[in-house]
Structures are given as structure tokens and as C-alpha cells.
Amino acid sequence: MYTTQLDNGVLNAYAVETEAYLAEYPSTEQQQRYMLQGAMASLLVTGLFLVALAVS
């Protein structure tokens, strides 16, 4: 941890910064999984909306 001390005695502690890296493009399998998750989330939200509409 990197710490500095000001003239009035106050300590400032800074977290260690991690090294940045570039993200990798998702594989075909990951893309298909994301599409499936998106479809399931859409069905869930649509279902909840329809239930709320029917109850009101």
C-alpha cells in the first residue's frame, strides 16, 4: 500500500493499482450462452409484466 504524509501529519493511503489488460472477444460458445440468457431474461420480464397487468 502506498502511503504519503502531508505537512500537517495526515496520512493518505492509496490502494495498489492493478495492471490493465485488454478483454478478449467472447467465443462462439459464450456468445450462444449470452443469447440464451438474454432470451430467458426477456421471457421472465415479459411474464412478470403480464402477471402484473392481469392482477391490476
PDB file of N, CA and C in Angstrom:
ATOM      1  N   MET A   1       0.847  -1.158   0.000  1.00  0.00           N
ATOM      2  CA  MET A   1       0.000   0.000   0.000  1.00  0.00           C
ATOM      3  C   MET A   1       0.904   1.235   0.000  1.00  0.00           C
ATOM      4  N   TYR A   2       0.580   2.190  -0.818  1.00  0.00           N
ATOM      5  CA  TYR A   2       1.356   3.415  -0.965  1.00  0.00           C
ATOM      6  C   TYR A   2       0.785   4.468  -0.023  1.00  0.00           C
ATOM      7  N   THR A   3       1.602   4.988   0.877  1.00  0.00           N
ATOM      8  CA  THR A   3       1.140   5.965   1.862  1.00  0.00           C
ATOM      9  C   THR A   3       2.006   7.221   1.796  1.00  0.00           C
ATOM     10  N   THR A   4       1.348   8.372   1.845  1.00  0.00           N
ATOM     11  CA  THR A   4       2.063   9.647   1.922  1.00  0.00           C
ATOM     12  C   THR A   4       1.618  10.370   3.186  1.00  0.00           C
ATOM     13  N   GLN A   5       2.468  11.264   3.645  1.00  0.00           N
ATOM     14  CA  GLN A   5       2.137  12.050   4.831  1.00  0.00           C
ATOM     15  C   GLN A   5       2.187  13.522   4.461  1.00  0.00           C
ATOM     16  N   LEU A   6       1.103  14.232   4.762  1.00  0.00           N
ATOM     17  CA  LEU A   6       1.032  15.658   4.491  1.00  0.00           C
ATOM     18  C   LEU A   6       1.804  16.429   5.547  1.00  0.00           C
ATOM     19  N   ASP A   7       1.978  17.709   5.312  1.00  0.00           N
ATOM     20  CA  ASP A   7       2.729  18.559   6.249  1.00  0.00           C
ATOM     21  C   ASP A   7       2.085  18.621   7.633  1.00  0.00           C
ATOM     22  N   ASN A   8       0.764  18.498   7.701  1.00  0.00           N
ATOM     23  CA  ASN A   8       0.071  18.578   8.993  1.00  0.00           C
ATOM     24  C   ASN A   8      -0.035  17.214   9.676  1.00  0.00           C
ATOM     25  N   GLY A   9       0.594  16.185   9.136  1.00  0.00           N
ATOM     26  CA  GLY A   9       0.625  14.870   9.775  1.00  0.00           C
ATOM     27  C   GLY A   9      -0.444  13.910   9.313  1.00  0.00           C
ATOM     28  N   VAL A  10      -1.336  14.334   8.406  1.00  0.00           N
ATOM     29  CA  VAL A  10      -2.402  13.463   7.925  1.00  0.00           C
ATOM     30  C   VAL A  10      -1.803  12.432   6.962  1.00  0.00           C
ATOM     31  N   LEU A  11      -2.194  11.174   7.136  1.00  0.00           N
ATOM     32  CA  LEU A  11      -1.729  10.112   6.252  1.00  0.00           C
ATOM     33  C   LEU A  11      -2.754   9.867   5.155  1.00  0.00           C
ATOM     34  N   ASN A  12      -2.293   9.722   3.928  1.00  0.00           N
ATOM     35  CA  ASN A  12      -3.135   9.342   2.799  1.00  0.00           C
ATOM     36  C   ASN A  12      -2.668   7.989   2.298  1.00  0.00           C
ATOM     37  N   ALA A  13      -3.534   6.998   2.363  1.00  0.00           N
ATOM     38  CA  ALA A  13      -3.193   5.645   1.922  1.00  0.00           C
ATOM     39  C   ALA A  13      -3.883   5.384   0.584  1.00  0.00           C
ATOM     40  N   TYR A  14      -3.108   4.953  -0.379  1.00  0.00           N
ATOM     41  CA  TYR A  14      -3.632   4.679  -1.714  1.00  0.00           C
ATOM     42  C   TYR A  14      -3.526   3.187  -2.004  1.00  0.00           C
ATOM     43  N   ALA A  15      -4.557   2.621  -2.581  1.00  0.00           N
ATOM     44  CA  ALA A  15      -4.543   1.208  -2.947  1.00  0.00           C
ATOM     45  C   ALA A  15      -3.591   0.983  -4.112  1.00  0.00           C
ATOM     46  N   VAL A  16      -3.026  -0.200  -4.168  1.00  0.00           N
ATOM     47  CA  VAL A  16      -2.136  -0.556  -5.273  1.00  0.00           C
ATOM     48  C   VAL A  16      -2.989  -0.758  -6.518  1.00  0.00           C
ATOM     49  N   GLU A  17      -2.623  -0.101  -7.601  1.00  0.00           N
ATOM     50  CA  GLU A  17      -3.389  -0.226  -8.845  1.00  0.00           C
ATOM     51  C   GLU A  17      -2.943  -1.461  -9.600  1.00  0.00           C
ATOM     52  N   THR A  18      -3.915  -2.237 -10.047  1.00  0.00           N
ATOM     53  CA  THR A  18      -3.586  -3.429 -10.822  1.00  0.00           C
ATOM     54  C   THR A  18      -3.273  -3.044 -12.261  1.00  0.00           C
ATOM     55  N   GLU A  19      -2.553  -3.905 -12.927  1.00  0.00           N
ATOM     56  CA  GLU A  19      -2.177  -3.645 -14.309  1.00  0.00           C
ATOM     57  C   GLU A  19      -3.384  -3.843 -15.223  1.00  0.00           C
ATOM     58  N   ALA A  20      -3.596  -2.919 -16.138  1.00  0.00           N
ATOM     59  CA  ALA A  20      -4.731  -3.001 -17.058  1.00  0.00           C
ATOM     60  C   ALA A  20      -4.436  -4.010 -18.173  1.00  0.00           C
ATOM     61  N   TYR A  21      -5.487  -4.655 -18.667  1.00  0.00           N
ATOM     62  CA  TYR A  21      -5.339  -5.591 -19.771  1.00  0.00           C
ATOM     63  C   TYR A  21      -6.550  -5.480 -20.675  1.00  0.00           C
ATOM     64  N   LEU A  22      -6.397  -5.886 -21.913  1.00  0.00           N
ATOM     65  CA  LEU A  22      -7.491  -5.840 -22.876  1.00  0.00           C
ATOM     66  C   LEU A  22      -8.362  -7.085 -22.739  1.00  0.00           C
ATOM     67  N   ALA A  23      -9.642  -6.898 -22.861  1.00  0.00           N
ATOM     68  CA  ALA A  23     -10.573  -8.024 -22.791  1.00  0.00           C
ATOM     69  C   ALA A  23     -10.521  -8.817 -24.094  1.00  0.00           C
ATOM     70  N   GLU A  24     -10.768 -10.105 -23.979  1.00  0.00           N
ATOM     71  CA  GLU A  24     -10.798 -10.963 -25.160  1.00  0.00           C
ATOM     72  C   GLU A  24     -12.222 -11.069 -25.671  1.00  0.00           C
ATOM     73  N   TYR A  25     -12.371 -11.169 -26.981  1.00  0.00           N
ATOM     74  CA  TYR A  25     -13.688 -11.307 -27.592  1.00  0.00           C
ATOM     75  C   TYR A  25     -14.264 -12.653 -27.188  1.00  0.00           C
ATOM     76  N   PRO A  26     -15.555 -12.705 -26.830  1.00  0.00           N
ATOM     77  CA  PRO A  26     -16.144 -13.976 -26.381  1.00  0.00           C
ATOM     78  C   PRO A  26     -16.168 -15.016 -27.497  1.00  0.00           C
ATOM     79  N   SER A  27     -15.976 -16.266 -27.100  1.00  0.00           N
ATOM     80  CA  SER A  27     -16.006 -17.364 -28.061  1.00  0.00           C
ATOM     81  C   SER A  27     -17.444 -17.594 -28.542  1.00  0.00           C
ATOM     82  N   THR A  28     -17.578 -18.427 -29.544  1.00  0.00           N
ATOM     83  CA  THR A  28     -18.909 -18.732 -30.089  1.00  0.00           C
ATOM     84  C   THR A  28     -19.797 -19.364 -29.028  1.00  0.00           C
ATOM     85  N   GLU A  29     -19.215 -20.239 -28.209  1.00  0.00           N
ATOM     86  CA  GLU A  29     -19.988 -20.885 -27.142  1.00  0.00           C
ATOM     87  C   GLU A  29     -20.485 -19.852 -26.131  1.00  0.00           C
ATOM     88  N   GLN A  30     -19.627 -18.898 -25.766  1.00  0.00           N
ATOM     89  CA  GLN A  30     -20.032 -17.856 -24.824  1.00  0.00           C
ATOM     90  C   GLN A  30     -21.104 -16.963 -25.433  1.00  0.00           C
ATOM     91  N   GLN A  31     -20.987 -16.648 -26.710  1.00  0.00           N
ATOM     92  CA  GLN A  31     -21.990 -15.819 -27.378  1.00  0.00           C
ATOM     93  C   GLN A  31     -23.347 -16.506 -27.367  1.00  0.00           C
ATOM     94  N   GLN A  32     -23.364 -17.815 -27.621  1.00  0.00           N
ATOM     95  CA  GLN A  32     -24.627 -18.558 -27.604  1.00  0.00           C
ATOM     96  C   GLN A  32     -25.216 -18.577 -26.203  1.00  0.00           C
ATOM     97  N   ARG A  33     -24.359 -18.723 -25.179  1.00  0.00           N
ATOM     98  CA  ARG A  33     -24.834 -18.713 -23.808  1.00  0.00           C
ATOM     99  C   ARG A  33     -25.423 -17.348 -23.453  1.00  0.00           C
ATOM    100  N   TYR A  34     -24.783 -16.269 -23.917  1.00  0.00           N
ATOM    101  CA  TYR A  34     -25.306 -14.919 -23.674  1.00  0.00           C
ATOM    102  C   TYR A  34     -26.672 -14.732 -24.343  1.00  0.00           C
ATOM    103  N   MET A  35     -26.824 -15.254 -25.560  1.00  0.00           N
ATOM    104  CA  MET A  35     -28.117 -15.139 -26.251  1.00  0.00           C
ATOM    105  C   MET A  35     -29.195 -15.904 -25.496  1.00  0.00           C
ATOM    106  N   LEU A  36     -28.856 -17.099 -24.990  1.00  0.00           N
ATOM    107  CA  LEU A  36     -29.820 -17.893 -24.222  1.00  0.00           C
ATOM    108  C   LEU A  36     -30.207 -17.162 -22.936  1.00  0.00           C
ATOM    109  N   GLN A  37     -29.239 -16.595 -22.245  1.00  0.00           N
ATOM    110  CA  GLN A  37     -29.527 -15.853 -21.020  1.00  0.00           C
ATOM    111  C   GLN A  37     -30.391 -14.628 -21.316  1.00  0.00           C
ATOM    112  N   GLY A  38     -30.125 -13.950 -22.420  1.00  0.00           N
ATOM    113  CA  GLY A  38     -30.932 -12.796 -22.804  1.00  0.00           C
ATOM    114  C   GLY A  38     -32.364 -13.193 -23.112  1.00  0.00           C
ATOM    115  N   ALA A  39     -32.536 -14.321 -23.814  1.00  0.00           N
ATOM    116  CA  ALA A  39     -33.883 -14.788 -24.138  1.00  0.00           C
ATOM    117  C   ALA A  39     -34.638 -15.175 -22.863  1.00  0.00           C
ATOM    118  N   MET A  40     -33.956 -15.850 -21.937  1.00  0.00           N
ATOM    119  CA  MET A  40     -34.616 -16.244 -20.689  1.00  0.00           C
ATOM    120  C   MET A  40     -34.977 -15.011 -19.859  1.00  0.00           C
ATOM    121  N   ALA A  41     -34.107 -14.019 -19.829  1.00  0.00           N
ATOM    122  CA  ALA A  41     -34.399 -12.795 -19.090  1.00  0.00           C
ATOM    123  C   ALA A  41     -35.573 -12.053 -19.710  1.00  0.00           C
ATOM    124  N   SER A  42     -35.641 -12.037 -21.040  1.00  0.00           N
ATOM    125  CA  SER A  42     -36.763 -11.383 -21.719  1.00  0.00           C
ATOM    126  C   SER A  42     -38.079 -12.084 -21.404  1.00  0.00           C
ATOM    127  N   LEU A  43     -38.054 -13.414 -21.403  1.00  0.00           N
ATOM    128  CA  LEU A  43     -39.264 -14.167 -21.064  1.00  0.00           C
ATOM    129  C   LEU A  43     -39.689 -13.908 -19.620  1.00  0.00           C
ATOM    130  N   LEU A  44     -38.730 -13.833 -18.717  1.00  0.00           N
ATOM    131  CA  LEU A  44     -39.045 -13.561 -17.313  1.00  0.00           C
ATOM    132  C   LEU A  44     -39.671 -12.189 -17.153  1.00  0.00           C
ATOM    133  N   VAL A  45     -39.081 -11.178 -17.757  1.00  0.00           N
ATOM    134  CA  VAL A  45     -39.611  -9.817 -17.630  1.00  0.00           C
ATOM    135  C   VAL A  45     -40.990  -9.718 -18.274  1.00  0.00           C
ATOM    136  N   THR A  46     -41.148 -10.325 -19.442  1.00  0.00           N
ATOM    137  CA  THR A  46     -42.460 -10.310 -20.115  1.00  0.00           C
ATOM    138  C   THR A  46     -43.506 -11.016 -19.263  1.00  0.00           C
ATOM    139  N   GLY A  47     -43.146 -12.156 -18.687  1.00  0.00           N
ATOM    140  CA  GLY A  47     -44.072 -12.886 -17.821  1.00  0.00           C
ATOM    141  C   GLY A  47     -44.468 -12.074 -16.607  1.00  0.00           C
ATOM    142  N   LEU A  48     -43.491 -11.434 -15.974  1.00  0.00           N
ATOM    143  CA  LEU A  48     -43.801 -10.608 -14.805  1.00  0.00           C
ATOM    144  C   LEU A  48     -44.693  -9.435 -15.177  1.00  0.00           C
ATOM    145  N   PHE A  49     -44.439  -8.835 -16.326  1.00  0.00           N
ATOM    146  CA  PHE A  49     -45.271  -7.738 -16.798  1.00  0.00           C
ATOM    147  C   PHE A  49     -46.711  -8.202 -17.044  1.00  0.00           C
ATOM    148  N   LEU A  50     -46.864  -9.351 -17.660  1.00  0.00           N
ATOM    149  CA  LEU A  50     -48.203  -9.865 -17.947  1.00  0.00           C
ATOM    150  C   LEU A  50     -48.951 -10.228 -16.653  1.00  0.00           C
ATOM    151  N   VAL A  51     -48.242 -10.787 -15.694  1.00  0.00           N
ATOM    152  CA  VAL A  51     -48.869 -11.110 -14.401  1.00  0.00           C
ATOM    153  C   VAL A  51     -49.291  -9.831 -13.704  1.00  0.00           C
ATOM    154  N   ALA A  52     -48.451  -8.816 -13.714  1.00  0.00           N
ATOM    155  CA  ALA A  52     -48.802  -7.540 -13.086  1.00  0.00           C
ATOM    156  C   ALA A  52     -49.986  -6.898 -13.797  1.00  0.00           C
ATOM    157  N   LEU A  53     -50.022  -7.025 -15.101  1.00  0.00           N
ATOM    158  CA  LEU A  53     -51.139  -6.473 -15.870  1.00  0.00           C
ATOM    159  C   LEU A  53     -52.435  -7.225 -15.559  1.00  0.00           C
ATOM    160  N   ALA A  54     -52.349  -8.537 -15.413  1.00  0.00           N
ATOM    161  CA  ALA A  54     -53.545  -9.333 -15.127  1.00  0.00           C
ATOM    162  C   ALA A  54     -54.061  -9.081 -13.706  1.00  0.00           C
ATOM    163  N   VAL A  55     -53.180  -8.831 -12.778  1.00  0.00           N
ATOM    164  CA  VAL A  55     -53.583  -8.626 -11.386  1.00  0.00           C
ATOM    165  C   VAL A  55     -54.206  -7.260 -11.198  1.00  0.00           C
ATOM    166  N   SER A  56     -53.719  -6.280 -11.932  1.00  0.00           N
ATOM    167  CA  SER A  56     -54.231  -4.912 -11.715  1.00  0.00           C
ATOM    168  C   SER A  56     -55.571  -4.667 -12.346  1.00  0.00           C
TER     169      SER A  56
END
